[in-house]
């Protein structure tokens, strides 16, 4: 199949692109190389994907001519978004990158005769302070990120309800692993441990419960909807692990794996942070055969190995 992946030079997108290419699909990746974090890191990832046989296109979904990009595309994995819970970032930026960009992409896809599957990538932040229930619970987002990702998800599904647009939406839970964004918790902790420096931690967050989910298990879920499309079309699925740990437990695991002691610099609490995420994946297990298997120790060990072999002393991360 010909597969388009938006946000392909990012963390999750690059892993999806590699997996799809390894399965023999024709893969095109699109990325705007937004400077939210180092474009150089994303460009290095883009080169890695090119070496694996992925066609990479630099384009902003808000302004690009999407017709040529979508030509012949059968599957879209839509990951491009404005991520994070960053105080001071304008609502306009979240709205533009999460909602308006999704609108333009859906409108372009709706006119594509080849399209068979559109997989929207959403987030557990849609649920609000606690993400522990099934997909049917009422969303209560508490950040600009969560609000605009919910709006984008419903825009995609509205097209399905009214016009039969072949779409579903996946709400991802706390993804971690190799090539994770450097502003996220585990990369900051690993970097600090290797360099024996302090890392910032928002006060109280060590007690936050998280369904930290290894990126390989996330990709399994994303491909699972393609293999069970009749059960997936028009639906929302939680994709994460149902084995939750606290942030403090995750930091302690990294200390054990590296043999180093973390030095923490506490910051004031951050508004909009989720207090508890514990993925309810009953629906995904039943309908698309989703079964995450990577333990926190196994996933973090892989991440530490990647950092040691590919990042430490080699890349400004």
Foldseek 3Di string as FASTA:
>chain_A
DEEEEEPCLADLNVVLLLVCVVVPYAYEYEYQLDVPDHSVSSVVSVVVSVVSPYHYDHDQLLDDDCQVVCALHAEYEYDWADDDQDPPDDLVRRQRRQPNSLVSVLVNVVPHPNYDEYEYEAALLQQFQEAEDFPPDHGDHFGSNNVSSVNSQVVNLVCCVPPVPFYFYEHEWAEDFARHDCVDDLNQQLVCQVVVHEGEDEPPQQQAKGLYAYSVLQSVLVVLCVVQVVLGGSYYFYRGAQDIDGNNVLSVLLCVLVVGDHHYDYDHHDGRHHRYYGDDGPSSCPRRVRDGDADSNRRSNNRSVCCVPPNVPPHDD
